[in-house]
Amino acid sequence: MAALVAVGVPEADARARVADQTDPAEAAGRSTTEMGVLPCNWQAVQVFAGMPGSCWEVPPMGGAPRGLRRDQVVGELTLRGLRRRDWPAIFERLRVLESAALEVWRARPRG
């Protein structure tokens, strides 16, 4: 939940998301395609959303991903033409998004 709040999801929405695995937008009565993003997080959200599934490190026998492949993150930052001096801040925010995604994946029932 802390990861969701860190990227700007209201605490009530984050609690609802973690408690019952509903989408935060649905929990707030909004469209699932609409979500507020703080301006300071916008570049990281764009990078995160633009990364294909192959950018995730997945165990050989399947299961929940372990995290984003760092080489793929660097490639995405480069392709988007983002300034190198901005990379540390973007990368820090990407780690928060990554952590939130992993939290959701790990909470899913197996089987």
Protein backbone atom coordinates (compact mmCIF):
# COMPACT_ATOMS: atom_id res chain seq x y z
CA MET A 1 0.00 0.00 0.00
CA ALA A 2 2.83 2.38 0.80
CA ALA A 3 4.08 2.07 -2.78
CA LEU A 4 0.71 3.14 -4.16
CA VAL A 5 0.53 6.14 -1.83
CA ALA A 6 4.11 7.08 -2.75
CA VAL A 7 3.15 7.51 -6.40
CA GLY A 8 0.11 9.65 -5.61
CA VAL A 9 -2.77 7.20 -5.16
CA PRO A 10 -5.03 8.56 -2.39
CA GLU A 11 -4.65 6.52 0.79
CA ALA A 12 -8.31 5.45 0.82
CA ASP A 13 -8.01 4.12 -2.74
CA ALA A 14 -4.76 2.34 -1.88
CA ARG A 15 -6.37 0.69 1.15
CA ALA A 16 -9.30 -0.48 -0.99
CA ARG A 17 -6.92 -1.85 -3.63
CA VAL A 18 -4.89 -3.84 -1.14
CA ALA A 19 -7.87 -4.97 0.96
CA ASP A 20 -10.03 -6.42 -1.76
CA GLN A 21 -7.91 -6.30 -4.92
CA THR A 22 -10.30 -3.92 -6.65
CA ASP A 23 -9.02 -1.32 -9.02
CA PRO A 24 -8.45 2.01 -7.20
CA ALA A 25 -10.39 3.87 -9.89
CA GLU A 26 -13.38 1.55 -9.47
CA ALA A 27 -13.19 1.91 -5.70
CA ALA A 28 -13.46 5.68 -6.12
CA GLY A 29 -16.32 5.41 -8.60
CA ARG A 30 -14.26 6.61 -11.56
CA SER A 31 -13.61 5.03 -14.92
CA THR A 32 -10.88 2.38 -14.83
CA THR A 33 -9.08 4.22 -17.64
CA GLU A 34 -8.80 7.42 -15.60
CA MET A 35 -6.26 7.90 -12.85
CA GLY A 36 -4.61 10.96 -11.41
CA VAL A 37 -0.81 11.16 -11.62
CA LEU A 38 1.28 13.75 -9.88
CA PRO A 39 3.32 15.79 -12.39
CA CYS A 40 6.59 14.75 -10.75
CA ASN A 41 5.70 11.10 -11.49
CA TRP A 42 4.50 11.56 -15.07
CA GLN A 43 7.72 10.60 -16.87
CA ALA A 44 8.13 7.46 -14.74
CA VAL A 45 4.51 6.44 -15.38
CA GLN A 46 4.99 6.92 -19.13
CA VAL A 47 8.17 4.81 -19.09
CA PHE A 48 6.54 2.13 -16.92
CA ALA A 49 3.41 1.94 -19.07
CA GLY A 50 5.47 1.81 -22.24
CA MET A 51 7.58 -1.16 -21.21
CA PRO A 52 6.47 -4.46 -22.77
CA GLY A 53 6.04 -7.66 -20.78
CA SER A 54 9.43 -8.87 -21.96
CA CYS A 55 11.03 -6.19 -19.77
CA TRP A 56 10.15 -8.18 -16.64
CA GLU A 57 12.49 -10.78 -15.20
CA VAL A 58 10.38 -13.93 -14.85
CA PRO A 59 11.50 -17.16 -13.16
CA PRO A 60 12.35 -19.92 -15.69
CA MET A 61 9.51 -22.15 -14.47
CA GLY A 62 6.97 -19.32 -14.48
CA GLY A 63 5.35 -17.52 -11.60
CA ALA A 64 5.29 -13.91 -10.56
CA PRO A 65 7.94 -11.66 -12.09
CA ARG A 66 10.90 -10.73 -9.90
CA GLY A 67 11.26 -7.20 -11.19
CA LEU A 68 12.07 -5.05 -14.18
CA ARG A 69 15.21 -5.91 -16.12
CA ARG A 70 17.54 -2.98 -15.56
CA ASP A 71 19.04 -3.19 -19.05
CA GLN A 72 15.54 -2.80 -20.48
CA VAL A 73 14.87 0.22 -18.27
CA VAL A 74 18.03 1.91 -19.53
CA GLY A 75 17.02 1.08 -23.10
CA GLU A 76 13.56 2.60 -22.58
CA LEU A 77 14.99 5.75 -21.01
CA THR A 78 17.40 6.08 -23.95
CA LEU A 79 14.74 5.47 -26.60
CA ARG A 80 12.51 8.12 -25.06
CA GLY A 81 15.38 10.63 -25.24
CA LEU A 82 15.18 11.43 -21.54
CA ARG A 83 18.08 13.43 -20.16
CA ARG A 84 20.64 11.36 -18.28
CA ARG A 85 20.62 13.80 -15.39
CA ASP A 86 16.89 12.99 -14.92
CA TRP A 87 17.43 9.21 -14.88
CA PRO A 88 18.09 8.82 -11.13
CA ALA A 89 14.79 10.48 -10.18
CA ILE A 90 12.86 8.58 -12.87
CA PHE A 91 14.51 5.32 -11.85
CA GLU A 92 13.60 5.92 -8.19
CA ARG A 93 9.96 6.43 -9.15
CA LEU A 94 10.05 3.38 -11.44
CA ARG A 95 11.17 1.29 -8.47
CA VAL A 96 8.09 2.43 -6.55
CA LEU A 97 5.85 1.47 -9.49
CA GLU A 98 7.69 -1.83 -9.85
CA SER A 99 7.23 -2.55 -6.16
CA ALA A 100 3.50 -1.84 -6.34
CA ALA A 101 3.11 -4.10 -9.39
CA LEU A 102 5.05 -6.91 -7.70
CA GLU A 103 2.91 -6.53 -4.58
CA VAL A 104 -0.23 -7.06 -6.67
CA TRP A 105 1.24 -10.02 -8.58
CA ARG A 106 2.31 -11.73 -5.36
CA ALA A 107 -1.11 -11.22 -3.78
CA ARG A 108 -2.88 -13.01 -6.65
CA PRO A 109 -4.13 -16.50 -5.87
CA ARG A 110 -2.04 -19.23 -7.46
CA GLY A 111 -3.54 -21.98 -9.52
